[in-house]
Amino acid sequence: MARYAVNDGAVAHVRNLIEARQYVLRSEWGDVQPSADEQNDYLERHSWPEYAAWHLGLTEGANDETKARYAFVVGDFRRVHRSGLIACVYRASEWRHKAVELAAHELLQRLDEVSGVTAD
């Protein structure tokens, strides 16, 4: 099983987007998660560091500047999606990638605080 380190640059980028209110609170992650083609299109117009900034995990042992290096995407390359953070928490938790899980959870809590999301 792959191992992941937390991408501190992505955590900072996502936190900045949250503070700037560049987020989507309601979306179906399966519908808005970037597809392989959308990722390729993004990489044609942006740098690898810009691409990396959307991924909370770095695959240990994978080469930089490959899509295999970056995991746990949480946005659509424009805005952070609350559903993306939830999916990241779930997937990281499921596969016991604790550091990534906790980073995503902390970002989710901050998003909820900034946006005023409350329990229904």
N, C-alpha and C. Protein backbone atom coordinates (compact mmCIF):
# COMPACT_ATOMS: atom_id res chain seq x y z
N MET A 1 0.84 -1.17 0.00
CA MET A 1 0.00 0.00 0.00
C MET A 1 0.89 1.24 0.00
N ALA A 2 0.49 2.24 -0.76
CA ALA A 2 1.25 3.49 -0.83
C ALA A 2 1.23 4.19 0.52
N ARG A 3 2.28 4.96 0.77
CA ARG A 3 2.36 5.79 1.97
C ARG A 3 2.39 7.24 1.53
N TYR A 4 1.82 8.09 2.36
CA TYR A 4 1.70 9.50 2.00
C TYR A 4 2.22 10.40 3.10
N ALA A 5 2.87 11.47 2.70
CA ALA A 5 3.25 12.54 3.60
C ALA A 5 2.28 13.70 3.36
N VAL A 6 2.11 14.53 4.36
CA VAL A 6 1.26 15.70 4.19
C VAL A 6 2.00 16.72 3.32
N ASN A 7 1.29 17.27 2.37
CA ASN A 7 1.81 18.31 1.50
C ASN A 7 1.56 19.66 2.19
N ASP A 8 2.55 20.13 2.92
CA ASP A 8 2.39 21.36 3.69
C ASP A 8 2.05 22.56 2.81
N GLY A 9 2.59 22.60 1.61
CA GLY A 9 2.27 23.69 0.68
C GLY A 9 0.81 23.69 0.31
N ALA A 10 0.24 22.52 0.11
CA ALA A 10 -1.18 22.42 -0.23
C ALA A 10 -2.04 22.81 0.97
N VAL A 11 -1.63 22.41 2.16
CA VAL A 11 -2.38 22.78 3.36
C VAL A 11 -2.44 24.30 3.46
N ALA A 12 -1.32 24.96 3.25
CA ALA A 12 -1.29 26.43 3.31
C ALA A 12 -2.14 27.04 2.21
N HIS A 13 -2.06 26.49 1.00
CA HIS A 13 -2.85 26.99 -0.13
C HIS A 13 -4.34 26.87 0.15
N VAL A 14 -4.76 25.71 0.62
CA VAL A 14 -6.18 25.48 0.92
C VAL A 14 -6.63 26.39 2.05
N ARG A 15 -5.81 26.55 3.07
CA ARG A 15 -6.15 27.45 4.17
C ARG A 15 -6.34 28.89 3.65
N ASN A 16 -5.45 29.32 2.76
CA ASN A 16 -5.57 30.66 2.17
C ASN A 16 -6.86 30.79 1.37
N LEU A 17 -7.20 29.77 0.61
CA LEU A 17 -8.45 29.80 -0.16
C LEU A 17 -9.66 29.89 0.76
N ILE A 18 -9.62 29.16 1.86
CA ILE A 18 -10.72 29.20 2.82
C ILE A 18 -10.85 30.61 3.39
N GLU A 19 -9.73 31.19 3.80
CA GLU A 19 -9.77 32.54 4.37
C GLU A 19 -10.26 33.56 3.36
N ALA A 20 -9.97 33.33 2.07
CA ALA A 20 -10.42 34.23 1.00
C ALA A 20 -11.83 33.90 0.53
N ARG A 21 -12.46 32.93 1.19
CA ARG A 21 -13.83 32.49 0.87
C ARG A 21 -13.95 31.96 -0.57
N GLN A 22 -12.92 31.26 -0.99
CA GLN A 22 -12.91 30.61 -2.30
C GLN A 22 -13.24 29.13 -2.11
N TYR A 23 -14.51 28.87 -1.78
CA TYR A 23 -14.93 27.50 -1.50
C TYR A 23 -16.36 27.28 -1.96
N VAL A 24 -16.70 26.02 -2.07
CA VAL A 24 -18.06 25.58 -2.40
C VAL A 24 -18.52 24.72 -1.24
N LEU A 25 -19.65 25.10 -0.65
CA LEU A 25 -20.14 24.37 0.52
C LEU A 25 -20.97 23.15 0.15
N ARG A 26 -21.70 23.20 -0.94
CA ARG A 26 -22.55 22.07 -1.32
C ARG A 26 -22.22 21.64 -2.75
N SER A 27 -21.73 20.43 -2.86
CA SER A 27 -21.44 19.84 -4.17
C SER A 27 -21.38 18.33 -4.00
N GLU A 28 -21.55 17.64 -5.08
CA GLU A 28 -21.39 16.19 -5.13
C GLU A 28 -19.96 15.93 -5.61
N TRP A 29 -19.10 15.49 -4.71
CA TRP A 29 -17.69 15.34 -5.04
C TRP A 29 -17.48 14.45 -6.26
N GLY A 30 -18.26 13.42 -6.40
CA GLY A 30 -18.13 12.55 -7.56
C GLY A 30 -18.40 13.27 -8.88
N ASP A 31 -19.17 14.35 -8.83
CA ASP A 31 -19.48 15.12 -10.03
C ASP A 31 -18.47 16.23 -10.30
N VAL A 32 -17.82 16.75 -9.26
CA VAL A 32 -16.95 17.92 -9.42
C VAL A 32 -15.46 17.61 -9.27
N GLN A 33 -15.13 16.43 -8.76
CA GLN A 33 -13.72 16.05 -8.63
C GLN A 33 -13.07 16.07 -10.00
N PRO A 34 -11.90 16.68 -10.14
CA PRO A 34 -11.27 16.76 -11.46
C PRO A 34 -11.00 15.38 -12.06
N SER A 35 -11.44 15.21 -13.30
CA SER A 35 -11.18 13.97 -14.02
C SER A 35 -9.73 13.96 -14.51
N ALA A 36 -9.29 12.83 -15.02
CA ALA A 36 -7.93 12.74 -15.56
C ALA A 36 -7.72 13.75 -16.68
N ASP A 37 -8.71 13.91 -17.54
CA ASP A 37 -8.60 14.89 -18.63
C ASP A 37 -8.53 16.31 -18.09
N GLU A 38 -9.32 16.62 -17.08
CA GLU A 38 -9.29 17.96 -16.48
C GLU A 38 -7.94 18.21 -15.80
N GLN A 39 -7.39 17.19 -15.19
CA GLN A 39 -6.06 17.33 -14.59
C GLN A 39 -5.01 17.60 -15.67
N ASN A 40 -5.09 16.87 -16.76
CA ASN A 40 -4.14 17.07 -17.87
C ASN A 40 -4.28 18.47 -18.45
N ASP A 41 -5.52 18.92 -18.64
CA ASP A 41 -5.75 20.28 -19.15
C ASP A 41 -5.16 21.32 -18.22
N TYR A 42 -5.35 21.12 -16.91
CA TYR A 42 -4.80 22.06 -15.94
C TYR A 42 -3.27 22.09 -16.04
N LEU A 43 -2.66 20.92 -16.15
CA LEU A 43 -1.21 20.85 -16.23
C LEU A 43 -0.65 21.47 -17.51
N GLU A 44 -1.44 21.52 -18.56
CA GLU A 44 -0.99 22.18 -19.79
C GLU A 44 -0.87 23.69 -19.61
N ARG A 45 -1.65 24.24 -18.67
CA ARG A 45 -1.69 25.69 -18.47
C ARG A 45 -1.03 26.16 -17.18
N HIS A 46 -0.66 25.22 -16.32
CA HIS A 46 -0.12 25.57 -15.01
C HIS A 46 1.12 24.74 -14.70
N SER A 47 1.85 25.18 -13.70
CA SER A 47 3.08 24.49 -13.30
C SER A 47 2.76 23.31 -12.38
N TRP A 48 3.77 22.45 -12.19
CA TRP A 48 3.61 21.34 -11.26
C TRP A 48 3.37 21.83 -9.84
N PRO A 49 4.08 22.88 -9.38
CA PRO A 49 3.77 23.37 -8.02
C PRO A 49 2.33 23.86 -7.88
N GLU A 50 1.77 24.47 -8.92
CA GLU A 50 0.37 24.89 -8.87
C GLU A 50 -0.55 23.68 -8.79
N TYR A 51 -0.23 22.65 -9.54
CA TYR A 51 -1.01 21.41 -9.50
C TYR A 51 -0.91 20.77 -8.11
N ALA A 52 0.29 20.73 -7.58
CA ALA A 52 0.52 20.11 -6.27
C ALA A 52 -0.27 20.81 -5.17
N ALA A 53 -0.48 22.10 -5.31
CA ALA A 53 -1.15 22.89 -4.27
C ALA A 53 -2.59 22.47 -4.02
N TRP A 54 -3.15 21.64 -4.87
CA TRP A 54 -4.52 21.16 -4.70
C TRP A 54 -4.58 19.77 -4.07
N HIS A 55 -3.45 19.19 -3.75
CA HIS A 55 -3.37 17.82 -3.25
C HIS A 55 -2.76 17.79 -1.86
N LEU A 56 -3.50 17.27 -0.88
CA LEU A 56 -3.02 17.27 0.50
C LEU A 56 -2.00 16.18 0.79
N GLY A 57 -1.85 15.22 -0.10
CA GLY A 57 -0.91 14.13 0.12
C GLY A 57 0.18 14.06 -0.93
N LEU A 58 1.36 13.66 -0.50
CA LEU A 58 2.48 13.39 -1.40
C LEU A 58 2.82 11.91 -1.28
N THR A 59 2.77 11.21 -2.38
CA THR A 59 3.06 9.78 -2.40
C THR A 59 4.55 9.58 -2.18
N GLU A 60 4.88 8.88 -1.10
CA GLU A 60 6.28 8.63 -0.80
C GLU A 60 6.87 7.70 -1.85
N GLY A 61 8.04 8.08 -2.35
CA GLY A 61 8.74 7.26 -3.34
C GLY A 61 8.39 7.60 -4.78
N ALA A 62 7.32 8.34 -5.02
CA ALA A 62 6.97 8.72 -6.39
C ALA A 62 7.79 9.94 -6.81
N ASN A 63 8.11 10.00 -8.07
CA ASN A 63 8.90 11.11 -8.60
C ASN A 63 8.10 12.40 -8.62
N ASP A 64 8.80 13.50 -8.30
CA ASP A 64 8.18 14.82 -8.45
C ASP A 64 7.80 15.02 -9.91
N GLU A 65 6.86 15.91 -10.11
CA GLU A 65 6.38 16.26 -11.46
C GLU A 65 5.83 15.05 -12.21
N THR A 66 5.16 14.18 -11.45
CA THR A 66 4.34 13.12 -12.02
C THR A 66 3.01 13.14 -11.28
N LYS A 67 1.94 12.79 -11.95
CA LYS A 67 0.64 12.78 -11.28
C LYS A 67 0.60 11.76 -10.15
N ALA A 68 1.40 10.74 -10.24
CA ALA A 68 1.44 9.72 -9.19
C ALA A 68 1.97 10.29 -7.86
N ARG A 69 2.69 11.38 -7.91
CA ARG A 69 3.27 11.98 -6.71
C ARG A 69 2.21 12.63 -5.82
N TYR A 70 1.10 13.10 -6.42
CA TYR A 70 0.14 13.93 -5.72
C TYR A 70 -1.17 13.19 -5.50
N ALA A 71 -1.67 13.24 -4.27
CA ALA A 71 -2.87 12.49 -3.91
C ALA A 71 -3.78 13.36 -3.04
N PHE A 72 -5.01 12.95 -2.94
CA PHE A 72 -6.00 13.60 -2.08
C PHE A 72 -6.31 15.03 -2.54
N VAL A 73 -6.79 15.13 -3.76
CA VAL A 73 -7.21 16.42 -4.30
C VAL A 73 -8.46 16.89 -3.55
N VAL A 74 -8.57 18.19 -3.29
CA VAL A 74 -9.69 18.71 -2.50
C VAL A 74 -10.43 19.87 -3.17
N GLY A 75 -10.13 20.13 -4.43
CA GLY A 75 -10.80 21.22 -5.12
C GLY A 75 -10.89 20.97 -6.60
N ASP A 76 -11.51 21.92 -7.27
CA ASP A 76 -11.72 21.82 -8.72
C ASP A 76 -10.73 22.67 -9.51
N PHE A 77 -9.62 23.04 -8.91
CA PHE A 77 -8.58 23.90 -9.46
C PHE A 77 -9.00 25.37 -9.51
N ARG A 78 -10.13 25.68 -8.90
CA ARG A 78 -10.57 27.08 -8.74
C ARG A 78 -10.93 27.35 -7.28
N ARG A 79 -11.66 26.40 -6.70
CA ARG A 79 -12.15 26.57 -5.33
C ARG A 79 -12.04 25.25 -4.58
N VAL A 80 -11.94 25.38 -3.27
CA VAL A 80 -11.95 24.21 -2.39
C VAL A 80 -13.41 23.76 -2.26
N HIS A 81 -13.64 22.47 -2.26
CA HIS A 81 -14.98 21.94 -2.07
C HIS A 81 -15.05 21.27 -0.70
N ARG A 82 -16.07 21.62 0.06
CA ARG A 82 -16.28 20.98 1.36
C ARG A 82 -16.40 19.47 1.17
N SER A 83 -17.09 19.06 0.12
CA SER A 83 -17.24 17.63 -0.15
C SER A 83 -15.89 16.98 -0.46
N GLY A 84 -14.96 17.73 -1.07
CA GLY A 84 -13.63 17.22 -1.33
C GLY A 84 -12.84 16.99 -0.05
N LEU A 85 -12.98 17.93 0.89
CA LEU A 85 -12.33 17.75 2.19
C LEU A 85 -12.91 16.56 2.93
N ILE A 86 -14.23 16.42 2.89
CA ILE A 86 -14.88 15.27 3.54
C ILE A 86 -14.40 13.96 2.91
N ALA A 87 -14.33 13.93 1.58
CA ALA A 87 -13.85 12.73 0.89
C ALA A 87 -12.40 12.42 1.28
N CYS A 88 -11.61 13.46 1.42
CA CYS A 88 -10.21 13.27 1.81
C CYS A 88 -10.12 12.70 3.22
N VAL A 89 -10.88 13.26 4.14
CA VAL A 89 -10.90 12.73 5.52
C VAL A 89 -11.30 11.25 5.49
N TYR A 90 -12.35 10.96 4.76
CA TYR A 90 -12.87 9.58 4.71
C TYR A 90 -11.83 8.62 4.11
N ARG A 91 -11.30 8.98 2.94
CA ARG A 91 -10.36 8.07 2.26
C ARG A 91 -9.08 7.89 3.06
N ALA A 92 -8.56 8.98 3.61
CA ALA A 92 -7.33 8.88 4.41
C ALA A 92 -7.58 8.05 5.67
N SER A 93 -8.73 8.23 6.27
CA SER A 93 -9.10 7.46 7.46
C SER A 93 -9.24 5.99 7.11
N GLU A 94 -9.93 5.72 6.02
CA GLU A 94 -10.17 4.35 5.60
C GLU A 94 -8.87 3.57 5.42
N TRP A 95 -7.88 4.23 4.83
CA TRP A 95 -6.60 3.55 4.54
C TRP A 95 -5.52 3.87 5.56
N ARG A 96 -5.92 4.48 6.68
CA ARG A 96 -5.04 4.74 7.82
C ARG A 96 -3.84 5.63 7.50
N HIS A 97 -4.11 6.66 6.72
CA HIS A 97 -3.11 7.68 6.45
C HIS A 97 -3.40 8.84 7.42
N LYS A 98 -3.02 8.64 8.66
CA LYS A 98 -3.46 9.49 9.76
C LYS A 98 -3.07 10.95 9.59
N ALA A 99 -1.86 11.23 9.17
CA ALA A 99 -1.42 12.62 9.05
C ALA A 99 -2.25 13.37 8.01
N VAL A 100 -2.53 12.73 6.88
CA VAL A 100 -3.36 13.36 5.85
C VAL A 100 -4.79 13.52 6.36
N GLU A 101 -5.30 12.51 7.03
CA GLU A 101 -6.64 12.58 7.61
C GLU A 101 -6.77 13.78 8.55
N LEU A 102 -5.81 13.94 9.44
CA LEU A 102 -5.87 15.04 10.41
C LEU A 102 -5.73 16.40 9.74
N ALA A 103 -4.87 16.50 8.73
CA ALA A 103 -4.73 17.76 8.00
C ALA A 103 -6.04 18.14 7.32
N ALA A 104 -6.68 17.17 6.68
CA ALA A 104 -7.96 17.43 6.01
C ALA A 104 -9.04 17.77 7.02
N HIS A 105 -9.05 17.07 8.15
CA HIS A 105 -10.03 17.34 9.19
C HIS A 105 -9.89 18.77 9.73
N GLU A 106 -8.66 19.19 9.99
CA GLU A 106 -8.42 20.55 10.49
C GLU A 106 -8.88 21.60 9.48
N LEU A 107 -8.62 21.35 8.20
CA LEU A 107 -9.07 22.28 7.16
C LEU A 107 -10.60 22.30 7.07
N LEU A 108 -11.22 21.15 7.21
CA LEU A 108 -12.67 21.07 7.20
C LEU A 108 -13.26 21.87 8.37
N GLN A 109 -12.66 21.72 9.53
CA GLN A 109 -13.14 22.47 10.70
C GLN A 109 -12.99 23.97 10.48
N ARG A 110 -11.88 24.38 9.88
CA ARG A 110 -11.68 25.81 9.61
C ARG A 110 -12.68 26.31 8.58
N LEU A 111 -12.93 25.53 7.54
CA LEU A 111 -13.92 25.91 6.54
C LEU A 111 -15.29 26.09 7.19
N ASP A 112 -15.67 25.17 8.05
CA ASP A 112 -16.97 25.28 8.71
C ASP A 112 -17.02 26.51 9.61
N GLU A 113 -15.93 26.81 10.27
CA GLU A 113 -15.89 27.99 11.14
C GLU A 113 -16.01 29.28 10.32
N VAL A 114 -15.25 29.38 9.24
CA VAL A 114 -15.26 30.58 8.41
C VAL A 114 -16.61 30.77 7.72
N SER A 115 -17.18 29.67 7.26
CA SER A 115 -18.43 29.75 6.47
C SER A 115 -19.67 29.81 7.33
N GLY A 116 -19.52 29.50 8.61
CA GLY A 116 -20.68 29.50 9.50
C GLY A 116 -21.53 28.25 9.40
N VAL A 117 -20.97 27.16 8.87
CA VAL A 117 -21.69 25.90 8.80
C VAL A 117 -21.96 25.42 10.22
N THR A 118 -23.20 25.07 10.48
CA THR A 118 -23.57 24.55 11.80
C THR A 118 -24.30 23.25 11.63
N ALA A 119 -24.39 22.52 12.70
CA ALA A 119 -25.13 21.24 12.68
C ALA A 119 -26.61 21.53 12.48
N ASP A 120 -27.24 20.73 11.66
CA ASP A 120 -28.68 20.87 11.40
C ASP A 120 -29.48 20.01 12.35
